[in-house]
Amino acid sequence: MSSSSSGPHDAILDARGLMCPMPVLKAKKALREVTEGGVLKVLATDPGSVADMKSFCEMTGNRLISSEKDGDVFVYHIEKAGA
């Protein structure tokens, strides 16, 4: 497990430079590889990803632990929901 200033994570997805809906689609795919209760860290530059990640987590039951901006990069920590 890695750690960052926002806390530990089990996997990281670099979606910088991708536009909607690609960050969410890639996050959905990356979460398949994360164990239940694990955390996926997502890096994105698309401003639309803020609303998209929130909606994605609400619709899938995953938990958006944090959503912050670091310069021009949006950083999300998503906890994978149980089955």
C-alpha atoms as a PDB file:
ATOM      1  CA  MET A   1       0.000   0.000   0.000  1.00  0.00           C
ATOM      2  CA  SER A   2       1.274   3.454  -0.859  1.00  0.00           C
ATOM      3  CA  SER A   3       0.563   6.632   1.010  1.00  0.00           C
ATOM      4  CA  SER A   4       0.182  10.257   0.060  1.00  0.00           C
ATOM      5  CA  SER A   5      -0.683  13.465   1.822  1.00  0.00           C
ATOM      6  CA  SER A   6      -4.347  12.486   1.490  1.00  0.00           C
ATOM      7  CA  GLY A   7      -3.908   9.037   2.946  1.00  0.00           C
ATOM      8  CA  PRO A   8      -3.113   5.497   1.897  1.00  0.00           C
ATOM      9  CA  HIS A   9      -4.195   3.944  -1.367  1.00  0.00           C
ATOM     10  CA  ASP A  10      -3.978   0.485  -2.931  1.00  0.00           C
ATOM     11  CA  ALA A  11      -3.836   1.514  -6.593  1.00  0.00           C
ATOM     12  CA  ILE A  12      -3.356   4.673  -8.604  1.00  0.00           C
ATOM     13  CA  LEU A  13      -4.919   5.748 -11.897  1.00  0.00           C
ATOM     14  CA  ASP A  14      -3.333   8.535 -13.900  1.00  0.00           C
ATOM     15  CA  ALA A  15      -6.157   9.977 -16.011  1.00  0.00           C
ATOM     16  CA  ARG A  16      -4.478  13.347 -16.576  1.00  0.00           C
ATOM     17  CA  GLY A  17      -5.125  14.724 -20.053  1.00  0.00           C
ATOM     18  CA  LEU A  18      -8.251  12.614 -20.562  1.00  0.00           C
ATOM     19  CA  MET A  19     -11.616  14.278 -21.069  1.00  0.00           C
ATOM     20  CA  CYS A  20     -15.085  13.194 -19.974  1.00  0.00           C
ATOM     21  CA  PRO A  21     -16.119  10.412 -19.756  1.00  0.00           C
ATOM     22  CA  MET A  22     -12.724   8.694 -19.866  1.00  0.00           C
ATOM     23  CA  PRO A  23     -11.555   9.395 -16.275  1.00  0.00           C
ATOM     24  CA  VAL A  24     -14.719   7.781 -14.888  1.00  0.00           C
ATOM     25  CA  LEU A  25     -14.616   4.845 -17.316  1.00  0.00           C
ATOM     26  CA  LYS A  26     -10.967   4.181 -16.486  1.00  0.00           C
ATOM     27  CA  ALA A  27     -11.719   4.486 -12.749  1.00  0.00           C
ATOM     28  CA  LYS A  28     -14.512   1.934 -13.095  1.00  0.00           C
ATOM     29  CA  LYS A  29     -12.107  -0.474 -14.823  1.00  0.00           C
ATOM     30  CA  ALA A  30      -9.293   0.166 -12.320  1.00  0.00           C
ATOM     31  CA  LEU A  31     -11.613  -0.513  -9.368  1.00  0.00           C
ATOM     32  CA  ARG A  32     -12.090  -4.069 -10.651  1.00  0.00           C
ATOM     33  CA  GLU A  33      -8.487  -4.729  -9.627  1.00  0.00           C
ATOM     34  CA  VAL A  34      -8.890  -3.223  -6.143  1.00  0.00           C
ATOM     35  CA  THR A  35     -10.022  -5.465  -3.297  1.00  0.00           C
ATOM     36  CA  GLU A  36     -13.218  -4.690  -1.387  1.00  0.00           C
ATOM     37  CA  GLY A  37     -12.516  -1.831   1.027  1.00  0.00           C
ATOM     38  CA  GLY A  38      -9.400  -0.868  -0.921  1.00  0.00           C
ATOM     39  CA  VAL A  39      -8.696   2.651  -2.112  1.00  0.00           C
ATOM     40  CA  LEU A  40      -8.084   3.868  -5.656  1.00  0.00           C
ATOM     41  CA  LYS A  41      -6.298   7.189  -6.090  1.00  0.00           C
ATOM     42  CA  VAL A  42      -7.286   8.963  -9.316  1.00  0.00           C
ATOM     43  CA  LEU A  43      -5.421  11.893 -10.894  1.00  0.00           C
ATOM     44  CA  ALA A  44      -7.366  13.896 -13.490  1.00  0.00           C
ATOM     45  CA  THR A  45      -7.141  17.277 -15.190  1.00  0.00           C
ATOM     46  CA  ASP A  46     -10.680  17.494 -16.615  1.00  0.00           C
ATOM     47  CA  PRO A  47     -12.704  19.976 -14.493  1.00  0.00           C
ATOM     48  CA  GLY A  48     -15.805  17.955 -15.349  1.00  0.00           C
ATOM     49  CA  SER A  49     -14.363  15.020 -13.427  1.00  0.00           C
ATOM     50  CA  VAL A  50     -15.348  16.691 -10.129  1.00  0.00           C
ATOM     51  CA  ALA A  51     -19.072  16.166 -10.712  1.00  0.00           C
ATOM     52  CA  ASP A  52     -18.494  12.941 -12.662  1.00  0.00           C
ATOM     53  CA  MET A  53     -16.563  11.187  -9.865  1.00  0.00           C
ATOM     54  CA  LYS A  54     -19.137  12.233  -7.268  1.00  0.00           C
ATOM     55  CA  SER A  55     -22.007  10.915  -9.414  1.00  0.00           C
ATOM     56  CA  PHE A  56     -20.087   7.748 -10.293  1.00  0.00           C
ATOM     57  CA  CYS A  57     -19.535   6.928  -6.627  1.00  0.00           C
ATOM     58  CA  GLU A  58     -23.158   7.651  -5.713  1.00  0.00           C
ATOM     59  CA  MET A  59     -24.443   5.421  -8.523  1.00  0.00           C
ATOM     60  CA  THR A  60     -22.053   2.520  -7.845  1.00  0.00           C
ATOM     61  CA  GLY A  61     -22.059   2.551  -4.045  1.00  0.00           C
ATOM     62  CA  ASN A  62     -18.341   3.266  -3.864  1.00  0.00           C
ATOM     63  CA  ARG A  63     -17.271   5.943  -1.368  1.00  0.00           C
ATOM     64  CA  LEU A  64     -15.581   9.152  -2.453  1.00  0.00           C
ATOM     65  CA  ILE A  65     -13.222   9.600   0.484  1.00  0.00           C
ATOM     66  CA  SER A  66     -11.679  12.819  -0.769  1.00  0.00           C
ATOM     67  CA  SER A  67     -11.754  15.168  -3.711  1.00  0.00           C
ATOM     68  CA  GLU A  68      -9.159  17.920  -3.849  1.00  0.00           C
ATOM     69  CA  LYS A  69      -7.242  20.048  -6.295  1.00  0.00           C
ATOM     70  CA  ASP A  70      -3.440  20.126  -6.375  1.00  0.00           C
ATOM     71  CA  GLY A  71      -2.418  22.806  -8.858  1.00  0.00           C
ATOM     72  CA  ASP A  72      -4.150  21.863 -12.100  1.00  0.00           C
ATOM     73  CA  VAL A  73      -4.692  18.230 -11.050  1.00  0.00           C
ATOM     74  CA  PHE A  74      -7.805  16.904  -9.352  1.00  0.00           C
ATOM     75  CA  VAL A  75      -7.038  14.112  -6.879  1.00  0.00           C
ATOM     76  CA  TYR A  76      -9.694  11.625  -5.803  1.00  0.00           C
ATOM     77  CA  HIS A  77      -9.562   8.781  -3.305  1.00  0.00           C
ATOM     78  CA  ILE A  78     -12.314   6.219  -3.890  1.00  0.00           C
ATOM     79  CA  GLU A  79     -13.004   3.337  -1.530  1.00  0.00           C
ATOM     80  CA  LYS A  80     -14.323   0.242  -3.297  1.00  0.00           C
ATOM     81  CA  ALA A  81     -17.691  -0.888  -1.998  1.00  0.00           C
ATOM     82  CA  GLY A  82     -18.418  -4.419  -0.913  1.00  0.00           C
ATOM     83  CA  ALA A  83     -20.386  -6.799  -3.104  1.00  0.00           C
END
